[in-house]
Amino acid sequence: MNRKCSVLAALAAAGLAFGASPALAYIGPGAGLSLLGALWGVIAAVAAALLFLLIWPLRRLMRRQRPATQRTATERTAAQRPTQQPQGSSPARGR
């Protein structure tokens, strides 16, 4: 029974393959370039996402292992700058 079905399936596939007529389709240069541009855009987006997922743990590890003496200048100035209120004003209470 199994062999009979496989032979029948092979004959049906061969009949469909050899009996098909060629498709009379034409993709113009504008449509083809648009299709290729969209395809490259999708491929680039997937590659960028995968690259980000692979590099993100390494960046986090490097950021965590950096000693405190190598902080950036903006972090140092922000830590040293006192918070000041304008003169003559008091914090709003009850608002």
PDB file of N, CA and C in Angstrom:
ATOM      1  N   MET A   1       0.824  -1.194   0.000  1.00  0.00           N
ATOM      2  CA  MET A   1       0.000   0.000   0.000  1.00  0.00           C
ATOM      3  C   MET A   1       0.875   1.267   0.000  1.00  0.00           C
ATOM      4  N   ASN A   2       1.930   1.266   0.834  1.00  0.00           N
ATOM      5  CA  ASN A   2       2.807   2.411   0.935  1.00  0.00           C
ATOM      6  C   ASN A   2       3.578   2.631  -0.358  1.00  0.00           C
ATOM      7  N   ARG A   3       4.057   1.551  -0.959  1.00  0.00           N
ATOM      8  CA  ARG A   3       4.800   1.652  -2.216  1.00  0.00           C
ATOM      9  C   ARG A   3       3.898   2.124  -3.345  1.00  0.00           C
ATOM     10  N   LYS A   4       2.668   1.685  -3.342  1.00  0.00           N
ATOM     11  CA  LYS A   4       1.707   2.072  -4.369  1.00  0.00           C
ATOM     12  C   LYS A   4       1.430   3.584  -4.294  1.00  0.00           C
ATOM     13  N   CYS A   5       1.321   4.137  -3.083  1.00  0.00           N
ATOM     14  CA  CYS A   5       1.069   5.571  -2.905  1.00  0.00           C
ATOM     15  C   CYS A   5       2.280   6.396  -3.329  1.00  0.00           C
ATOM     16  N   SER A   6       3.478   5.918  -3.025  1.00  0.00           N
ATOM     17  CA  SER A   6       4.676   6.681  -3.387  1.00  0.00           C
ATOM     18  C   SER A   6       4.880   6.694  -4.905  1.00  0.00           C
ATOM     19  N   VAL A   7       4.579   5.581  -5.588  1.00  0.00           N
ATOM     20  CA  VAL A   7       4.691   5.542  -7.039  1.00  0.00           C
ATOM     21  C   VAL A   7       3.663   6.480  -7.664  1.00  0.00           C
ATOM     22  N   LEU A   8       2.450   6.464  -7.128  1.00  0.00           N
ATOM     23  CA  LEU A   8       1.398   7.332  -7.641  1.00  0.00           C
ATOM     24  C   LEU A   8       1.753   8.807  -7.424  1.00  0.00           C
ATOM     25  N   ALA A   9       2.324   9.127  -6.266  1.00  0.00           N
ATOM     26  CA  ALA A   9       2.735  10.507  -5.987  1.00  0.00           C
ATOM     27  C   ALA A   9       3.866  10.938  -6.921  1.00  0.00           C
ATOM     28  N   ALA A  10       4.811  10.037  -7.202  1.00  0.00           N
ATOM     29  CA  ALA A  10       5.914  10.364  -8.105  1.00  0.00           C
ATOM     30  C   ALA A  10       5.401  10.596  -9.521  1.00  0.00           C
ATOM     31  N   LEU A  11       4.461   9.783  -9.982  1.00  0.00           N
ATOM     32  CA  LEU A  11       3.884   9.981 -11.318  1.00  0.00           C
ATOM     33  C   LEU A  11       3.101  11.291 -11.401  1.00  0.00           C
ATOM     34  N   ALA A  12       2.380  11.629 -10.346  1.00  0.00           N
ATOM     35  CA  ALA A  12       1.623  12.877 -10.342  1.00  0.00           C
ATOM     36  C   ALA A  12       2.571  14.080 -10.359  1.00  0.00           C
ATOM     37  N   ALA A  13       3.645  14.015  -9.594  1.00  0.00           N
ATOM     38  CA  ALA A  13       4.616  15.112  -9.579  1.00  0.00           C
ATOM     39  C   ALA A  13       5.290  15.261 -10.932  1.00  0.00           C
ATOM     40  N   ALA A  14       5.656  14.139 -11.556  1.00  0.00           N
ATOM     41  CA  ALA A  14       6.295  14.197 -12.874  1.00  0.00           C
ATOM     42  C   ALA A  14       5.329  14.755 -13.914  1.00  0.00           C
ATOM     43  N   GLY A  15       4.074  14.361 -13.854  1.00  0.00           N
ATOM     44  CA  GLY A  15       3.078  14.864 -14.803  1.00  0.00           C
ATOM     45  C   GLY A  15       2.871  16.367 -14.653  1.00  0.00           C
ATOM     46  N   LEU A  16       2.834  16.840 -13.413  1.00  0.00           N
ATOM     47  CA  LEU A  16       2.673  18.281 -13.187  1.00  0.00           C
ATOM     48  C   LEU A  16       3.908  19.060 -13.634  1.00  0.00           C
ATOM     49  N   ALA A  17       5.090  18.495 -13.393  1.00  0.00           N
ATOM     50  CA  ALA A  17       6.326  19.199 -13.747  1.00  0.00           C
ATOM     51  C   ALA A  17       6.506  19.286 -15.251  1.00  0.00           C
ATOM     52  N   PHE A  18       6.237  18.198 -15.959  1.00  0.00           N
ATOM     53  CA  PHE A  18       6.460  18.202 -17.412  1.00  0.00           C
ATOM     54  C   PHE A  18       5.282  18.783 -18.185  1.00  0.00           C
ATOM     55  N   GLY A  19       4.130  18.826 -17.585  1.00  0.00           N
ATOM     56  CA  GLY A  19       2.959  19.338 -18.287  1.00  0.00           C
ATOM     57  C   GLY A  19       2.737  20.826 -18.096  1.00  0.00           C
ATOM     58  N   ALA A  20       3.530  21.478 -17.250  1.00  0.00           N
ATOM     59  CA  ALA A  20       3.327  22.901 -16.979  1.00  0.00           C
ATOM     60  C   ALA A  20       3.854  23.735 -18.133  1.00  0.00           C
ATOM     61  N   SER A  21       3.124  24.767 -18.445  1.00  0.00           N
ATOM     62  CA  SER A  21       3.588  25.677 -19.495  1.00  0.00           C
ATOM     63  C   SER A  21       4.409  26.796 -18.836  1.00  0.00           C
ATOM     64  N   PRO A  22       5.322  27.406 -19.576  1.00  0.00           N
ATOM     65  CA  PRO A  22       6.146  28.466 -18.974  1.00  0.00           C
ATOM     66  C   PRO A  22       5.290  29.686 -18.613  1.00  0.00           C
ATOM     67  N   ALA A  23       5.635  30.309 -17.530  1.00  0.00           N
ATOM     68  CA  ALA A  23       4.915  31.506 -17.103  1.00  0.00           C
ATOM     69  C   ALA A  23       5.386  32.688 -17.936  1.00  0.00           C
ATOM     70  N   LEU A  24       4.451  33.409 -18.482  1.00  0.00           N
ATOM     71  CA  LEU A  24       4.778  34.568 -19.295  1.00  0.00           C
ATOM     72  C   LEU A  24       4.706  35.809 -18.403  1.00  0.00           C
ATOM     73  N   ALA A  25       5.656  35.923 -17.498  1.00  0.00           N
ATOM     74  CA  ALA A  25       5.674  37.025 -16.546  1.00  0.00           C
ATOM     75  C   ALA A  25       6.935  37.843 -16.774  1.00  0.00           C
ATOM     76  N   TYR A  26       6.816  39.127 -16.516  1.00  0.00           N
ATOM     77  CA  TYR A  26       7.951  40.015 -16.698  1.00  0.00           C
ATOM     78  C   TYR A  26       7.987  40.987 -15.528  1.00  0.00           C
ATOM     79  N   ILE A  27       9.140  41.095 -14.916  1.00  0.00           N
ATOM     80  CA  ILE A  27       9.333  42.087 -13.858  1.00  0.00           C
ATOM     81  C   ILE A  27      10.221  43.163 -14.449  1.00  0.00           C
ATOM     82  N   GLY A  28       9.701  44.356 -14.521  1.00  0.00           N
ATOM     83  CA  GLY A  28      10.456  45.462 -15.089  1.00  0.00           C
ATOM     84  C   GLY A  28      11.608  45.870 -14.194  1.00  0.00           C
ATOM     85  N   PRO A  29      12.517  46.683 -14.704  1.00  0.00           N
ATOM     86  CA  PRO A  29      13.688  47.067 -13.908  1.00  0.00           C
ATOM     87  C   PRO A  29      13.316  47.867 -12.668  1.00  0.00           C
ATOM     88  N   GLY A  30      12.291  48.702 -12.734  1.00  0.00           N
ATOM     89  CA  GLY A  30      11.892  49.490 -11.565  1.00  0.00           C
ATOM     90  C   GLY A  30      11.350  48.620 -10.449  1.00  0.00           C
ATOM     91  N   ALA A  31      10.477  47.684 -10.806  1.00  0.00           N
ATOM     92  CA  ALA A  31       9.895  46.793  -9.798  1.00  0.00           C
ATOM     93  C   ALA A  31      10.958  45.848  -9.243  1.00  0.00           C
ATOM     94  N   GLY A  32      11.851  45.398 -10.088  1.00  0.00           N
ATOM     95  CA  GLY A  32      12.915  44.501  -9.622  1.00  0.00           C
ATOM     96  C   GLY A  32      13.867  45.183  -8.665  1.00  0.00           C
ATOM     97  N   LEU A  33      14.243  46.429  -8.979  1.00  0.00           N
ATOM     98  CA  LEU A  33      15.135  47.171  -8.084  1.00  0.00           C
ATOM     99  C   LEU A  33      14.446  47.503  -6.766  1.00  0.00           C
ATOM    100  N   SER A  34      13.163  47.807  -6.816  1.00  0.00           N
ATOM    101  CA  SER A  34      12.417  48.068  -5.579  1.00  0.00           C
ATOM    102  C   SER A  34      12.364  46.819  -4.708  1.00  0.00           C
ATOM    103  N   LEU A  35      12.133  45.689  -5.350  1.00  0.00           N
ATOM    104  CA  LEU A  35      12.089  44.426  -4.613  1.00  0.00           C
ATOM    105  C   LEU A  35      13.449  44.108  -3.990  1.00  0.00           C
ATOM    106  N   LEU A  36      14.524  44.319  -4.748  1.00  0.00           N
ATOM    107  CA  LEU A  36      15.857  44.060  -4.210  1.00  0.00           C
ATOM    108  C   LEU A  36      16.211  45.029  -3.085  1.00  0.00           C
ATOM    109  N   GLY A  37      15.818  46.284  -3.223  1.00  0.00           N
ATOM    110  CA  GLY A  37      16.080  47.264  -2.172  1.00  0.00           C
ATOM    111  C   GLY A  37      15.359  46.917  -0.884  1.00  0.00           C
ATOM    112  N   ALA A  38      14.107  46.494  -0.997  1.00  0.00           N
ATOM    113  CA  ALA A  38      13.350  46.097   0.195  1.00  0.00           C
ATOM    114  C   ALA A  38      13.959  44.852   0.829  1.00  0.00           C
ATOM    115  N   LEU A  39      14.389  43.921  -0.001  1.00  0.00           N
ATOM    116  CA  LEU A  39      15.001  42.695   0.522  1.00  0.00           C
ATOM    117  C   LEU A  39      16.303  43.002   1.248  1.00  0.00           C
ATOM    118  N   TRP A  40      17.135  43.874   0.678  1.00  0.00           N
ATOM    119  CA  TRP A  40      18.391  44.243   1.347  1.00  0.00           C
ATOM    120  C   TRP A  40      18.126  44.998   2.643  1.00  0.00           C
ATOM    121  N   GLY A  41      17.076  45.809   2.663  1.00  0.00           N
ATOM    122  CA  GLY A  41      16.714  46.513   3.890  1.00  0.00           C
ATOM    123  C   GLY A  41      16.326  45.560   5.007  1.00  0.00           C
ATOM    124  N   VAL A  42      15.547  44.544   4.673  1.00  0.00           N
ATOM    125  CA  VAL A  42      15.142  43.548   5.676  1.00  0.00           C
ATOM    126  C   VAL A  42      16.356  42.750   6.150  1.00  0.00           C
ATOM    127  N   ILE A  43      17.227  42.375   5.228  1.00  0.00           N
ATOM    128  CA  ILE A  43      18.423  41.613   5.604  1.00  0.00           C
ATOM    129  C   ILE A  43      19.331  42.455   6.490  1.00  0.00           C
ATOM    130  N   ALA A  44      19.498  43.735   6.171  1.00  0.00           N
ATOM    131  CA  ALA A  44      20.342  44.614   6.988  1.00  0.00           C
ATOM    132  C   ALA A  44      19.735  44.813   8.380  1.00  0.00           C
ATOM    133  N   ALA A  45      18.418  44.935   8.472  1.00  0.00           N
ATOM    134  CA  ALA A  45      17.771  45.117   9.773  1.00  0.00           C
ATOM    135  C   ALA A  45      17.933  43.878  10.646  1.00  0.00           C
ATOM    136  N   VAL A  46      17.778  42.700  10.065  1.00  0.00           N
ATOM    137  CA  VAL A  46      17.945  41.462  10.831  1.00  0.00           C
ATOM    138  C   VAL A  46      19.401  41.310  11.271  1.00  0.00           C
ATOM    139  N   ALA A  47      20.339  41.629  10.383  1.00  0.00           N
ATOM    140  CA  ALA A  47      21.755  41.523  10.741  1.00  0.00           C
ATOM    141  C   ALA A  47      22.120  42.507  11.851  1.00  0.00           C
ATOM    142  N   ALA A  48      21.584  43.739  11.786  1.00  0.00           N
ATOM    143  CA  ALA A  48      21.866  44.717  12.835  1.00  0.00           C
ATOM    144  C   ALA A  48      21.287  44.273  14.172  1.00  0.00           C
ATOM    145  N   ALA A  49      20.088  43.694  14.153  1.00  0.00           N
ATOM    146  CA  ALA A  49      19.473  43.215  15.389  1.00  0.00           C
ATOM    147  C   ALA A  49      20.290  42.071  15.993  1.00  0.00           C
ATOM    148  N   LEU A  50      20.735  41.144  15.160  1.00  0.00           N
ATOM    149  CA  LEU A  50      21.549  40.034  15.667  1.00  0.00           C
ATOM    150  C   LEU A  50      22.888  40.522  16.193  1.00  0.00           C
ATOM    151  N   LEU A  51      23.493  41.474  15.496  1.00  0.00           N
ATOM    152  CA  LEU A  51      24.759  42.033  15.952  1.00  0.00           C
ATOM    153  C   LEU A  51      24.592  42.728  17.298  1.00  0.00           C
ATOM    154  N   PHE A  52      23.512  43.476  17.454  1.00  0.00           N
ATOM    155  CA  PHE A  52      23.250  44.154  18.729  1.00  0.00           C
ATOM    156  C   PHE A  52      23.073  43.137  19.850  1.00  0.00           C
ATOM    157  N   LEU A  53      22.332  42.061  19.575  1.00  0.00           N
ATOM    158  CA  LEU A  53      22.109  41.046  20.606  1.00  0.00           C
ATOM    159  C   LEU A  53      23.400  40.330  20.991  1.00  0.00           C
ATOM    160  N   LEU A  54      24.318  40.188  20.057  1.00  0.00           N
ATOM    161  CA  LEU A  54      25.585  39.528  20.362  1.00  0.00           C
ATOM    162  C   LEU A  54      26.556  40.448  21.094  1.00  0.00           C
ATOM    163  N   ILE A  55      26.532  41.743  20.776  1.00  0.00           N
ATOM    164  CA  ILE A  55      27.500  42.671  21.353  1.00  0.00           C
ATOM    165  C   ILE A  55      27.026  43.247  22.682  1.00  0.00           C
ATOM    166  N   TRP A  56      25.704  43.281  22.924  1.00  0.00           N
ATOM    167  CA  TRP A  56      25.183  43.917  24.123  1.00  0.00           C
ATOM    168  C   TRP A  56      25.762  43.329  25.423  1.00  0.00           C
ATOM    169  N   PRO A  57      25.840  42.005  25.602  1.00  0.00           N
ATOM    170  CA  PRO A  57      26.433  41.493  26.851  1.00  0.00           C
ATOM    171  C   PRO A  57      27.907  41.877  27.006  1.00  0.00           C
ATOM    172  N   LEU A  58      28.635  41.945  25.904  1.00  0.00           N
ATOM    173  CA  LEU A  58      30.046  42.331  25.986  1.00  0.00           C
ATOM    174  C   LEU A  58      30.185  43.793  26.404  1.00  0.00           C
ATOM    175  N   ARG A  59      29.360  44.667  25.868  1.00  0.00           N
ATOM    176  CA  ARG A  59      29.409  46.081  26.259  1.00  0.00           C
ATOM    177  C   ARG A  59      29.065  46.248  27.726  1.00  0.00           C
ATOM    178  N   ARG A  60      28.081  45.501  28.196  1.00  0.00           N
ATOM    179  CA  ARG A  60      27.692  45.569  29.605  1.00  0.00           C
ATOM    180  C   ARG A  60      28.815  45.081  30.503  1.00  0.00           C
ATOM    181  N   LEU A  61      29.474  44.021  30.099  1.00  0.00           N
ATOM    182  CA  LEU A  61      30.588  43.474  30.878  1.00  0.00           C
ATOM    183  C   LEU A  61      31.742  44.465  30.914  1.00  0.00           C
ATOM    184  N   MET A  62      32.047  45.102  29.793  1.00  0.00           N
ATOM    185  CA  MET A  62      33.135  46.085  29.765  1.00  0.00           C
ATOM    186  C   MET A  62      32.791  47.308  30.608  1.00  0.00           C
ATOM    187  N   ARG A  63      31.543  47.733  30.578  1.00  0.00           N
ATOM    188  CA  ARG A  63      31.129  48.895  31.362  1.00  0.00           C
ATOM    189  C   ARG A  63      31.192  48.588  32.857  1.00  0.00           C
ATOM    190  N   ARG A  64      30.863  47.366  33.244  1.00  0.00           N
ATOM    191  CA  ARG A  64      30.868  46.975  34.648  1.00  0.00           C
ATOM    192  C   ARG A  64      32.288  46.847  35.190  1.00  0.00           C
ATOM    193  N   GLN A  65      33.232  46.423  34.361  1.00  0.00           N
ATOM    194  CA  GLN A  65      34.591  46.196  34.816  1.00  0.00           C
ATOM    195  C   GLN A  65      35.442  47.455  34.799  1.00  0.00           C
ATOM    196  N   ARG A  66      34.952  48.574  34.272  1.00  0.00           N
ATOM    197  CA  ARG A  66      35.732  49.804  34.200  1.00  0.00           C
ATOM    198  C   ARG A  66      35.902  50.374  35.612  1.00  0.00           C
ATOM    199  N   PRO A  67      37.123  50.695  36.015  1.00  0.00           N
ATOM    200  CA  PRO A  67      37.340  51.242  37.356  1.00  0.00           C
ATOM    201  C   PRO A  67      36.719  52.628  37.501  1.00  0.00           C
ATOM    202  N   ALA A  68      36.480  53.021  38.753  1.00  0.00           N
ATOM    203  CA  ALA A  68      35.829  54.301  39.022  1.00  0.00           C
ATOM    204  C   ALA A  68      36.727  55.479  38.674  1.00  0.00           C
ATOM    205  N   THR A  69      38.029  55.284  38.587  1.00  0.00           N
ATOM    206  CA  THR A  69      38.947  56.387  38.263  1.00  0.00           C
ATOM    207  C   THR A  69      38.845  56.799  36.805  1.00  0.00           C
ATOM    208  N   GLN A  70      38.238  55.996  35.971  1.00  0.00           N
ATOM    209  CA  GLN A  70      38.137  56.316  34.553  1.00  0.00           C
ATOM    210  C   GLN A  70      36.770  56.888  34.190  1.00  0.00           C
ATOM    211  N   ARG A  71      36.070  57.470  35.135  1.00  0.00           N
ATOM    212  CA  ARG A  71      34.783  58.071  34.820  1.00  0.00           C
ATOM    213  C   ARG A  71      34.982  59.236  33.872  1.00  0.00           C
ATOM    214  N   THR A  72      33.974  59.536  33.128  1.00  0.00           N
ATOM    215  CA  THR A  72      34.090  60.636  32.163  1.00  0.00           C
ATOM    216  C   THR A  72      34.072  61.968  32.880  1.00  0.00           C
ATOM    217  N   ALA A  73      34.492  63.002  32.187  1.00  0.00           N
ATOM    218  CA  ALA A  73      34.566  64.340  32.779  1.00  0.00           C
ATOM    219  C   ALA A  73      33.182  64.849  33.151  1.00  0.00           C
ATOM    220  N   THR A  74      32.190  64.518  32.385  1.00  0.00           N
ATOM    221  CA  THR A  74      30.840  64.988  32.706  1.00  0.00           C
ATOM    222  C   THR A  74      30.322  64.330  33.978  1.00  0.00           C
ATOM    223  N   GLU A  75      30.655  63.078  34.194  1.00  0.00           N
ATOM    224  CA  GLU A  75      30.231  62.419  35.432  1.00  0.00           C
ATOM    225  C   GLU A  75      30.916  63.066  36.633  1.00  0.00           C
ATOM    226  N   ARG A  76      32.194  63.431  36.488  1.00  0.00           N
ATOM    227  CA  ARG A  76      32.919  64.057  37.597  1.00  0.00           C
ATOM    228  C   ARG A  76      32.356  65.431  37.920  1.00  0.00           C
ATOM    229  N   THR A  77      32.106  66.233  36.892  1.00  0.00           N
ATOM    230  CA  THR A  77      31.599  67.582  37.158  1.00  0.00           C
ATOM    231  C   THR A  77      30.183  67.527  37.710  1.00  0.00           C
ATOM    232  N   ALA A  78      29.378  66.585  37.267  1.00  0.00           N
ATOM    233  CA  ALA A  78      28.022  66.468  37.786  1.00  0.00           C
ATOM    234  C   ALA A  78      28.041  66.039  39.249  1.00  0.00           C
ATOM    235  N   ALA A  79      28.995  65.203  39.619  1.00  0.00           N
ATOM    236  CA  ALA A  79      29.080  64.753  41.007  1.00  0.00           C
ATOM    237  C   ALA A  79      29.611  65.855  41.918  1.00  0.00           C
ATOM    238  N   GLN A  80      30.432  66.768  41.406  1.00  0.00           N
ATOM    239  CA  GLN A  80      31.024  67.819  42.224  1.00  0.00           C
ATOM    240  C   GLN A  80      30.149  69.065  42.310  1.00  0.00           C
ATOM    241  N   ARG A  81      29.249  69.267  41.369  1.00  0.00           N
ATOM    242  CA  ARG A  81      28.439  70.470  41.320  1.00  0.00           C
ATOM    243  C   ARG A  81      27.347  70.408  42.390  1.00  0.00           C
ATOM    244  N   PRO A  82      27.288  71.411  43.296  1.00  0.00           N
ATOM    245  CA  PRO A  82      26.213  71.412  44.297  1.00  0.00           C
ATOM    246  C   PRO A  82      24.915  71.886  43.663  1.00  0.00           C
ATOM    247  N   THR A  83      23.826  71.428  44.220  1.00  0.00           N
ATOM    248  CA  THR A  83      22.540  71.890  43.719  1.00  0.00           C
ATOM    249  C   THR A  83      22.219  73.206  44.393  1.00  0.00           C
ATOM    250  N   GLN A  84      21.895  74.219  43.608  1.00  0.00           N
ATOM    251  CA  GLN A  84      21.634  75.546  44.140  1.00  0.00           C
ATOM    252  C   GLN A  84      20.230  75.982  43.763  1.00  0.00           C
ATOM    253  N   GLN A  85      19.626  76.733  44.678  1.00  0.00           N
ATOM    254  CA  GLN A  85      18.324  77.315  44.398  1.00  0.00           C
ATOM    255  C   GLN A  85      18.523  78.797  44.122  1.00  0.00           C
ATOM    256  N   PRO A  86      17.707  79.380  43.291  1.00  0.00           N
ATOM    257  CA  PRO A  86      17.817  80.820  43.049  1.00  0.00           C
ATOM    258  C   PRO A  86      17.571  81.600  44.336  1.00  0.00           C
ATOM    259  N   GLN A  87      18.241  82.726  44.489  1.00  0.00           N
ATOM    260  CA  GLN A  87      18.093  83.528  45.700  1.00  0.00           C
ATOM    261  C   GLN A  87      16.714  84.166  45.742  1.00  0.00           C
ATOM    262  N   GLY A  88      16.171  84.248  46.948  1.00  0.00           N
ATOM    263  CA  GLY A  88      14.883  84.882  47.135  1.00  0.00           C
ATOM    264  C   GLY A  88      13.718  83.959  46.908  1.00  0.00           C
ATOM    265  N   SER A  89      13.963  82.735  46.585  1.00  0.00           N
ATOM    266  CA  SER A  89      12.855  81.799  46.394  1.00  0.00           C
ATOM    267  C   SER A  89      12.987  80.686  47.409  1.00  0.00           C
ATOM    268  N   SER A  90      11.879  80.180  47.818  1.00  0.00           N
ATOM    269  CA  SER A  90      11.864  79.064  48.753  1.00  0.00           C
ATOM    270  C   SER A  90      11.124  77.914  48.097  1.00  0.00           C
ATOM    271  N   PRO A  91      11.400  76.728  48.541  1.00  0.00           N
ATOM    272  CA  PRO A  91      10.695  75.591  47.934  1.00  0.00           C
ATOM    273  C   PRO A  91       9.199  75.717  48.155  1.00  0.00           C
ATOM    274  N   ALA A  92       8.434  75.371  47.159  1.00  0.00           N
ATOM    275  CA  ALA A  92       6.971  75.458  47.255  1.00  0.00           C
ATOM    276  C   ALA A  92       6.473  74.383  48.206  1.00  0.00           C
ATOM    277  N   ARG A  93       5.684  74.793  49.145  1.00  0.00           N
ATOM    278  CA  ARG A  93       5.116  73.842  50.108  1.00  0.00           C
ATOM    279  C   ARG A  93       3.619  73.784  49.922  1.00  0.00           C
ATOM    280  N   GLY A  94       3.108  72.596  50.031  1.00  0.00           N
ATOM    281  CA  GLY A  94       1.668  72.411  49.980  1.00  0.00           C
ATOM    282  C   GLY A  94       1.089  72.465  48.581  1.00  0.00           C
ATOM    283  N   ARG A  95       1.893  72.467  47.580  1.00  0.00           N
ATOM    284  CA  ARG A  95       1.379  72.487  46.214  1.00  0.00           C
ATOM    285  C   ARG A  95       1.434  71.137  45.601  1.00  0.00           C
TER     286      ARG A  95
END
